Amino acid sequence: MSLPNFPSPWMTDEHRMLQDAAARYIAQRWVPRAAEFRDAGRMSVEDWRDAAAQGLLCSSTPEAYGGAGGDFGHEAVILLEQSRANISGWGGGLHSAIVAPYILHYGTEEQKRRWLPRMCSAERIGAIAMTEPGTGSDLQAVRTTARREGDHYVISGAKTFITNGQNANLVIVVCRTGSEGGARNISLIVVETDRAPGFRRGRQLDKVGLKAQDTSELFFDDVRVPADNLLGGREGQGFVQLMEQLPQERLIIALQGVGAMERALDETLRYTKERKAFGKAIWDFQNTRFKLAEVQATVLAARAFVDACMVAHLKGELDAARAALAKAWVSEQQCKVADECLQLFGGYGYMMEYPIAELYVDARVQRIYGGTNEIMKELAARSM
């Protein structure tokens, strides 16, 4: 990177070793195929299994369940390198650092032993189905239902904007297990899609950015699943489970933003020092240097903020308000940085063959998913 190499205080030698290995793997195996992934709209199951074999899945899952036995820092360095490489198509971060922790923290011992080893090997690819066609950030308003019939739940409803939706064969479904509204009757039920008649995948969604990422609609038409698939074994715990895990999801989005900003600045520094206009490099114009100095300050400030959040999170001290603020502020800075950097490319910045264009369009959704930034600011303001 062209940025000063200030070490992150939360990173250990073990984290750095994994970071180097992840960077090499992504550069050698995925970057040359980036156009292929974009054209396909996803990465193949074979790619997932190869990444698992290289230790890039479930690095924070305990060894007893097939994982590498690391901490969230191990997931973070993989996420950072994926973002720095501008590879948006792999949903491994969601699988490893969002779906697997739900099972690890709330699953029964039998559930953990049944699902986690298969997730570690990519035999099972995970997704979490929260958003519905009429329900986004307001999770208390979900309408998907799961009614108990003997030893089974019958799930009915529709979900949309689901990452890993086409590849996933293990889906945590946010649903309502009682007639009363609000948070009380929300539960999380795991659906193994190859054992679930009535489960349907809808269209793979055509997005503004993240063209290589597998994002889909999912439909549940009276899907019968064993009652044992209720996460944690008790109804009505889903909303609390979601609230406890969402801070980590929001920190993931902030980490992705930092990696993308660093890549955008690196690309722009390289381009402006090589591209000439009016007989000299674009870098030689004072406006260019001033703009990129401002961008560098923003990137370094964002990294310092996220590093502080990482230190707190690894100690179990990151609160929901701080995570929400990090997600909102970093994602807004990411969009501004991408815009400033693209401008310095001129017309070439608008061409998708240049990484800066992809970084620009991919950045926009960061302010929406994981809870819109408006909701994030409301959550942060409540603690003031």
Protein backbone atom coordinates (compact mmCIF):
# COMPACT_ATOMS: atom_id res chain seq x y z
CA MET A 1 0.00 0.00 0.00
CA SER A 2 1.06 3.60 -0.54
CA LEU A 3 -0.41 4.55 2.81
CA PRO A 4 1.97 4.76 5.78
CA ASN A 5 2.07 1.29 7.29
CA PHE A 6 0.90 2.13 10.80
CA PRO A 7 0.26 -1.16 12.61
CA SER A 8 -3.21 -1.79 13.96
CA PRO A 9 -2.98 -2.19 17.75
CA TRP A 10 -5.29 -5.21 17.85
CA MET A 11 -3.25 -7.27 15.40
CA THR A 12 -0.93 -9.98 16.68
CA ASP A 13 1.79 -11.81 14.75
CA GLU A 14 -0.75 -14.59 14.14
CA HIS A 15 -3.21 -12.10 12.64
CA ARG A 16 -0.50 -10.68 10.39
CA MET A 17 0.50 -14.15 9.18
CA LEU A 18 -3.09 -14.92 8.24
CA GLN A 19 -3.42 -11.51 6.61
CA ASP A 20 -0.37 -12.18 4.41
CA ALA A 21 -1.63 -15.64 3.47
CA ALA A 22 -5.10 -14.32 2.65
CA ALA A 23 -3.66 -11.50 0.54
CA ARG A 24 -1.53 -13.94 -1.47
CA TYR A 25 -4.40 -16.38 -2.00
CA ILE A 26 -6.84 -13.68 -3.11
CA ALA A 27 -4.28 -12.08 -5.44
CA GLN A 28 -3.35 -15.40 -7.06
CA ARG A 29 -6.69 -17.20 -7.18
CA TRP A 30 -9.45 -14.59 -7.26
CA VAL A 31 -8.19 -11.30 -8.68
CA PRO A 32 -7.41 -12.80 -12.14
CA ARG A 33 -10.98 -14.16 -12.24
CA ALA A 34 -12.79 -11.04 -11.03
CA ALA A 35 -14.49 -10.44 -14.39
CA GLU A 36 -15.66 -14.06 -14.45
CA PHE A 37 -17.27 -13.64 -11.03
CA ARG A 38 -18.99 -10.42 -12.09
CA ASP A 39 -20.38 -12.02 -15.24
CA ALA A 40 -21.68 -15.02 -13.30
CA GLY A 41 -23.09 -12.90 -10.49
CA ARG A 42 -21.50 -15.15 -7.89
CA MET A 43 -18.56 -17.32 -7.00
CA SER A 44 -18.99 -21.06 -7.41
CA VAL A 45 -19.41 -23.62 -4.64
CA GLU A 46 -16.06 -25.07 -5.76
CA ASP A 47 -14.43 -21.68 -5.06
CA TRP A 48 -15.97 -21.71 -1.59
CA ARG A 49 -14.62 -25.18 -0.87
CA ASP A 50 -11.15 -24.27 -2.09
CA ALA A 51 -11.15 -21.21 0.17
CA ALA A 52 -12.25 -23.41 3.07
CA ALA A 53 -9.36 -25.78 2.39
CA GLN A 54 -7.00 -22.80 2.60
CA GLY A 55 -8.33 -21.78 6.02
CA LEU A 56 -10.36 -18.77 4.90
CA LEU A 57 -13.69 -19.95 6.33
CA CYS A 58 -14.79 -19.89 9.98
CA SER A 59 -11.41 -18.85 11.31
CA SER A 60 -13.00 -17.78 14.61
CA THR A 61 -15.02 -20.99 15.07
CA PRO A 62 -13.56 -23.23 17.82
CA GLU A 63 -11.47 -26.20 16.76
CA ALA A 64 -13.93 -28.51 18.52
CA TYR A 65 -16.45 -27.65 15.79
CA GLY A 66 -14.03 -27.80 12.86
CA GLY A 67 -12.86 -24.19 12.81
CA ALA A 68 -9.43 -22.64 13.22
CA GLY A 69 -10.01 -21.59 16.83
CA GLY A 70 -9.16 -17.93 16.32
CA ASP A 71 -10.94 -14.74 17.33
CA PHE A 72 -12.81 -12.07 15.41
CA GLY A 73 -9.47 -10.48 14.53
CA HIS A 74 -8.78 -13.44 12.25
CA GLU A 75 -12.06 -12.82 10.44
CA ALA A 76 -11.25 -9.11 10.25
CA VAL A 77 -7.92 -9.51 8.46
CA ILE A 78 -9.55 -11.70 5.80
CA LEU A 79 -12.33 -9.13 5.34
CA LEU A 80 -9.79 -6.32 5.01
CA GLU A 81 -7.76 -8.14 2.38
CA GLN A 82 -10.87 -9.05 0.41
CA SER A 83 -11.90 -5.39 0.37
CA ARG A 84 -8.42 -4.16 -0.51
CA ALA A 85 -8.37 -6.61 -3.43
CA ASN A 86 -11.73 -5.25 -4.62
CA ILE A 87 -13.29 -8.73 -4.56
CA SER A 88 -16.92 -8.19 -3.60
CA GLY A 89 -18.31 -11.53 -4.73
CA TRP A 90 -17.35 -13.80 -1.86
CA GLY A 91 -19.87 -13.92 0.98
CA GLY A 92 -17.45 -15.66 3.29
CA GLY A 93 -17.53 -12.83 5.81
CA LEU A 94 -21.27 -13.21 6.30
CA HIS A 95 -20.97 -17.00 6.44
CA SER A 96 -18.07 -17.05 8.90
CA ALA A 97 -18.51 -13.94 11.02
CA ILE A 98 -22.31 -13.59 11.09
CA VAL A 99 -24.10 -16.90 10.43
CA ALA A 100 -21.65 -19.20 12.23
CA PRO A 101 -21.61 -17.04 15.41
CA TYR A 102 -25.40 -17.25 15.68
CA ILE A 103 -25.11 -21.01 15.79
CA LEU A 104 -22.08 -20.95 18.08
CA HIS A 105 -23.59 -18.54 20.61
CA TYR A 106 -27.22 -19.64 20.62
CA GLY A 107 -27.32 -23.16 19.24
CA THR A 108 -27.70 -26.25 21.35
CA GLU A 109 -24.71 -28.56 21.53
CA GLU A 110 -26.38 -30.88 19.04
CA GLN A 111 -27.02 -27.99 16.63
CA LYS A 112 -23.42 -26.81 16.84
CA ARG A 113 -22.04 -30.27 16.13
CA ARG A 114 -24.51 -30.82 13.30
CA TRP A 115 -23.94 -27.55 11.41
CA LEU A 116 -20.64 -25.87 12.27
CA PRO A 117 -18.19 -28.50 10.94
CA ARG A 118 -20.07 -28.53 7.63
CA MET A 119 -19.91 -24.75 7.49
CA CYS A 120 -16.16 -24.84 8.12
CA SER A 121 -15.68 -27.12 5.09
CA ALA A 122 -18.24 -25.26 2.93
CA GLU A 123 -20.40 -28.36 2.69
CA ARG A 124 -22.97 -25.95 4.11
CA ILE A 125 -22.96 -22.34 2.87
CA GLY A 126 -24.73 -19.98 5.22
CA ALA A 127 -27.14 -17.08 4.82
CA ILE A 128 -29.41 -15.16 7.16
CA ALA A 129 -32.84 -14.17 5.90
CA MET A 130 -33.93 -10.99 7.69
CA THR A 131 -35.19 -8.48 5.12
CA GLU A 132 -38.63 -8.87 3.56
CA PRO A 133 -40.21 -7.10 0.57
CA GLY A 134 -42.06 -4.78 2.97
CA THR A 135 -39.68 -4.82 5.93
CA GLY A 136 -36.10 -3.55 6.04
CA SER A 137 -34.43 -2.09 9.12
CA ASP A 138 -37.56 -2.59 11.27
CA LEU A 139 -37.01 -6.20 12.26
CA GLN A 140 -39.93 -6.16 14.68
CA ALA A 141 -42.26 -5.92 11.68
CA VAL A 142 -41.28 -9.21 10.00
CA ARG A 143 -44.28 -11.10 8.62
CA THR A 144 -42.76 -14.50 7.81
CA THR A 145 -44.45 -17.01 10.10
CA ALA A 146 -43.48 -20.36 11.57
CA ARG A 147 -46.38 -22.28 13.09
CA ARG A 148 -45.78 -25.36 15.19
CA GLU A 149 -47.33 -28.61 13.95
CA GLY A 150 -46.26 -31.53 16.09
CA ASP A 151 -42.53 -32.08 15.73
CA HIS A 152 -42.19 -29.53 12.90
CA TYR A 153 -42.47 -25.85 12.13
CA VAL A 154 -44.23 -24.79 8.93
CA ILE A 155 -42.60 -21.62 7.57
CA SER A 156 -44.43 -19.27 5.21
CA GLY A 157 -43.17 -15.99 3.83
CA ALA A 158 -40.77 -14.20 1.49
CA LYS A 159 -37.34 -12.68 1.99
CA THR A 160 -35.30 -10.41 -0.27
CA PHE A 161 -31.79 -8.92 -0.61
CA ILE A 162 -30.31 -12.13 0.85
CA THR A 163 -26.54 -12.40 0.49
CA ASN A 164 -25.42 -15.91 -0.60
CA GLY A 165 -29.04 -16.53 -1.58
CA GLN A 166 -28.30 -18.71 -4.62
CA ASN A 167 -25.43 -20.70 -3.11
CA ALA A 168 -26.70 -21.03 0.45
CA ASN A 169 -28.01 -24.36 1.67
CA LEU A 170 -28.21 -23.41 5.35
CA VAL A 171 -30.38 -20.37 5.97
CA ILE A 172 -31.22 -18.80 9.32
CA VAL A 173 -34.76 -17.47 8.88
CA VAL A 174 -36.07 -14.62 11.01
CA CYS A 175 -39.72 -15.44 11.55
CA ARG A 176 -42.68 -14.99 13.85
CA THR A 177 -43.64 -17.97 16.04
CA GLY A 178 -46.72 -16.33 17.60
CA SER A 179 -49.58 -14.07 16.60
CA GLU A 180 -48.62 -11.12 18.79
CA GLY A 181 -46.71 -8.35 17.02
CA GLY A 182 -43.48 -6.67 18.07
CA ALA A 183 -40.32 -8.37 19.26
CA ARG A 184 -41.78 -10.94 21.64
CA ASN A 185 -42.57 -13.70 19.15
CA ILE A 186 -39.59 -13.43 16.83
CA SER A 187 -37.51 -16.60 16.53
CA LEU A 188 -34.62 -17.84 14.42
CA ILE A 189 -35.13 -21.15 12.65
CA VAL A 190 -32.47 -22.87 10.55
CA VAL A 191 -33.57 -24.23 7.17
CA GLU A 192 -31.40 -26.80 5.41
CA THR A 193 -32.64 -26.08 1.91
CA ASP A 194 -31.92 -29.50 0.41
CA ARG A 195 -34.24 -31.02 3.00
CA ALA A 196 -37.01 -28.44 2.71
CA PRO A 197 -39.79 -29.03 0.14
CA GLY A 198 -41.54 -25.72 -0.53
CA PHE A 199 -38.33 -23.69 -0.38
CA ARG A 200 -37.71 -21.71 -3.56
CA ARG A 201 -34.99 -19.39 -4.71
CA GLY A 202 -36.23 -16.36 -6.60
CA ARG A 203 -34.29 -14.31 -9.07
CA GLN A 204 -30.72 -13.32 -8.57
CA LEU A 205 -31.06 -9.58 -8.08
CA ASP A 206 -29.55 -7.07 -10.50
CA LYS A 207 -27.84 -4.50 -8.30
CA VAL A 208 -26.19 -1.13 -8.94
CA GLY A 209 -22.92 -2.50 -7.59
CA LEU A 210 -21.57 -5.68 -5.97
CA LYS A 211 -22.12 -7.38 -9.32
CA ALA A 212 -20.17 -10.50 -8.32
CA GLN A 213 -22.09 -10.96 -5.07
CA ASP A 214 -24.81 -13.58 -4.90
CA THR A 215 -27.92 -11.67 -3.73
CA SER A 216 -31.39 -13.18 -4.10
CA GLU A 217 -35.02 -13.47 -3.19
CA LEU A 218 -36.04 -16.51 -1.13
CA PHE A 219 -39.53 -17.96 -0.77
CA PHE A 220 -40.91 -20.28 1.89
CA ASP A 221 -44.15 -21.94 0.80
CA ASP A 222 -45.26 -23.97 3.83
CA VAL A 223 -41.74 -25.27 4.35
CA ARG A 224 -41.68 -27.98 7.00
CA VAL A 225 -38.55 -28.15 9.15
CA PRO A 226 -37.91 -30.17 12.30
CA ALA A 227 -38.72 -28.36 15.52
CA ASP A 228 -35.13 -29.14 16.54
CA ASN A 229 -34.03 -26.49 14.03
CA LEU A 230 -35.27 -23.68 16.29
CA LEU A 231 -32.05 -21.90 17.18
CA GLY A 232 -31.39 -22.31 20.88
CA GLY A 233 -34.41 -24.53 21.46
CA ARG A 234 -36.74 -21.78 22.78
CA GLU A 235 -39.25 -19.62 20.94
CA GLY A 236 -39.29 -15.84 21.19
CA GLN A 237 -35.53 -15.36 21.64
CA GLY A 238 -34.82 -14.20 18.10
CA PHE A 239 -34.99 -10.45 18.54
CA VAL A 240 -32.59 -10.50 21.48
CA GLN A 241 -30.25 -12.77 19.53
CA LEU A 242 -30.33 -10.39 16.56
CA MET A 243 -29.65 -7.32 18.71
CA GLU A 244 -26.70 -9.01 20.39
CA GLN A 245 -25.05 -9.97 17.09
CA LEU A 246 -25.79 -6.90 14.97
CA PRO A 247 -22.88 -4.85 16.43
CA GLN A 248 -20.41 -7.34 14.95
CA GLU A 249 -22.21 -7.19 11.60
CA ARG A 250 -21.92 -3.40 11.64
CA LEU A 251 -18.24 -3.56 12.54
CA ILE A 252 -17.76 -5.86 9.54
CA ILE A 253 -19.27 -3.18 7.28
CA ALA A 254 -16.91 -0.58 8.76
CA LEU A 255 -13.92 -2.89 8.18
CA GLN A 256 -14.97 -3.38 4.57
CA GLY A 257 -15.20 0.40 4.20
CA VAL A 258 -11.68 0.93 5.48
CA GLY A 259 -10.24 -1.69 3.13
CA ALA A 260 -12.08 -0.21 0.15
CA MET A 261 -10.95 3.34 0.99
CA GLU A 262 -7.34 2.24 1.25
CA ARG A 263 -7.59 0.58 -2.16
CA ALA A 264 -9.24 3.65 -3.70
CA LEU A 265 -6.48 5.93 -2.44
CA ASP A 266 -3.77 3.54 -3.58
CA GLU A 267 -5.27 3.30 -7.09
CA THR A 268 -5.63 7.07 -7.35
CA LEU A 269 -2.10 7.81 -6.19
CA ARG A 270 -0.76 5.42 -8.80
CA TYR A 271 -2.94 6.82 -11.59
CA THR A 272 -2.29 10.51 -10.89
CA LYS A 273 1.47 9.98 -10.81
CA GLU A 274 1.41 8.18 -14.19
CA ARG A 275 -1.29 10.07 -16.13
CA LYS A 276 -0.23 13.29 -17.81
CA ALA A 277 -2.25 16.38 -18.69
CA PHE A 278 -0.97 19.68 -20.07
CA GLY A 279 2.54 18.28 -20.19
CA LYS A 280 2.86 17.10 -16.60
CA ALA A 281 1.58 14.40 -14.26
CA ILE A 282 -1.82 15.03 -12.72
CA TRP A 283 -0.08 14.61 -9.36
CA ASP A 284 1.93 17.77 -10.06
CA PHE A 285 -1.18 19.94 -9.92
CA GLN A 286 -1.63 21.41 -6.46
CA ASN A 287 -5.36 20.62 -6.46
CA THR A 288 -4.58 16.92 -6.88
CA ARG A 289 -2.12 16.86 -4.02
CA PHE A 290 -4.44 18.80 -1.74
CA LYS A 291 -7.41 16.55 -2.55
CA LEU A 292 -5.43 13.38 -1.92
CA ALA A 293 -3.96 14.76 1.30
CA GLU A 294 -7.53 15.30 2.51
CA VAL A 295 -8.48 11.79 1.41
CA GLN A 296 -5.51 10.33 3.22
CA ALA A 297 -6.51 12.12 6.43
CA THR A 298 -10.02 10.68 6.13
CA VAL A 299 -8.73 7.16 5.49
CA LEU A 300 -6.34 7.29 8.43
CA ALA A 301 -9.04 8.67 10.72
CA ALA A 302 -11.43 5.92 9.64
CA ARG A 303 -8.82 3.26 10.24
CA ALA A 304 -8.04 4.65 13.70
CA PHE A 305 -11.77 4.67 14.57
CA VAL A 306 -12.24 1.10 13.38
CA ASP A 307 -9.04 -0.03 15.12
CA ALA A 308 -10.41 1.39 18.39
CA CYS A 309 -13.67 -0.48 17.81
CA MET A 310 -11.72 -3.67 17.12
CA VAL A 311 -9.75 -3.33 20.36
CA ALA A 312 -13.01 -2.88 22.27
CA HIS A 313 -14.78 -5.71 20.47
CA LEU A 314 -11.99 -8.21 21.07
CA LYS A 315 -12.32 -7.39 24.78
CA GLY A 316 -16.11 -7.83 24.62
CA GLU A 317 -16.62 -4.11 25.24
CA LEU A 318 -18.00 -2.76 21.94
CA ASP A 319 -21.50 -1.46 22.59
CA ALA A 320 -24.27 -1.29 20.02
CA ALA A 321 -24.24 2.51 19.84
CA ARG A 322 -20.52 2.73 19.04
CA ALA A 323 -20.78 -0.02 16.42
CA ALA A 324 -23.72 1.76 14.81
CA LEU A 325 -21.82 5.03 14.71
CA ALA A 326 -18.77 3.34 13.19
CA LYS A 327 -20.88 1.72 10.48
CA ALA A 328 -22.63 5.01 9.64
CA TRP A 329 -19.62 7.31 9.69
CA VAL A 330 -17.17 5.01 7.92
CA SER A 331 -19.63 4.12 5.16
CA GLU A 332 -20.35 7.81 4.54
CA GLN A 333 -16.64 8.58 4.35
CA GLN A 334 -16.19 5.60 2.02
CA CYS A 335 -18.67 7.09 -0.44
CA LYS A 336 -17.00 10.51 -0.26
CA VAL A 337 -13.52 9.06 -0.73
CA ALA A 338 -14.61 6.96 -3.71
CA ASP A 339 -16.21 10.04 -5.28
CA GLU A 340 -13.16 12.27 -4.77
CA CYS A 341 -10.83 9.60 -6.13
CA LEU A 342 -13.00 8.84 -9.16
CA GLN A 343 -13.04 12.55 -10.07
CA LEU A 344 -9.26 12.54 -10.39
CA PHE A 345 -9.48 9.78 -13.01
CA GLY A 346 -11.59 11.99 -15.24
CA GLY A 347 -13.52 10.09 -17.90
CA TYR A 348 -11.61 6.89 -17.23
CA GLY A 349 -13.00 6.84 -13.71
CA TYR A 350 -16.45 6.28 -15.20
CA MET A 351 -15.31 3.16 -17.06
CA MET A 352 -15.99 -0.14 -15.29
CA GLU A 353 -12.69 -1.55 -16.52
CA TYR A 354 -10.99 0.67 -13.93
CA PRO A 355 -11.14 -0.55 -10.31
CA ILE A 356 -12.10 2.91 -9.06
CA ALA A 357 -15.43 2.69 -10.89
CA GLU A 358 -16.27 -0.60 -9.20
CA LEU A 359 -15.19 0.78 -5.83
CA TYR A 360 -17.50 3.74 -6.40
CA VAL A 361 -20.64 1.76 -7.23
CA ASP A 362 -19.96 -0.89 -4.60
CA ALA A 363 -19.64 1.73 -1.86
CA ARG A 364 -23.20 3.01 -2.07
CA VAL A 365 -24.93 0.02 -0.46
CA GLN A 366 -22.72 0.26 2.63
CA ARG A 367 -24.96 3.09 3.85
CA ILE A 368 -28.05 0.88 3.47
CA TYR A 369 -27.50 -2.73 4.47
CA GLY A 370 -26.85 -3.81 8.04
CA GLY A 371 -29.41 -1.14 9.00
CA THR A 372 -29.68 2.18 7.17
CA ASN A 373 -27.41 4.97 8.34
CA GLU A 374 -30.44 6.93 9.49
CA ILE A 375 -31.26 4.10 11.89
CA MET A 376 -27.60 3.89 12.93
CA LYS A 377 -27.55 7.57 13.88
CA GLU A 378 -30.76 7.17 15.86
CA LEU A 379 -29.22 4.25 17.78
CA ALA A 380 -26.04 6.24 18.43
CA ALA A 381 -27.99 9.32 19.56
CA ARG A 382 -29.92 7.35 22.17
CA SER A 383 -26.71 6.80 24.14
CA MET A 384 -25.69 10.45 24.17
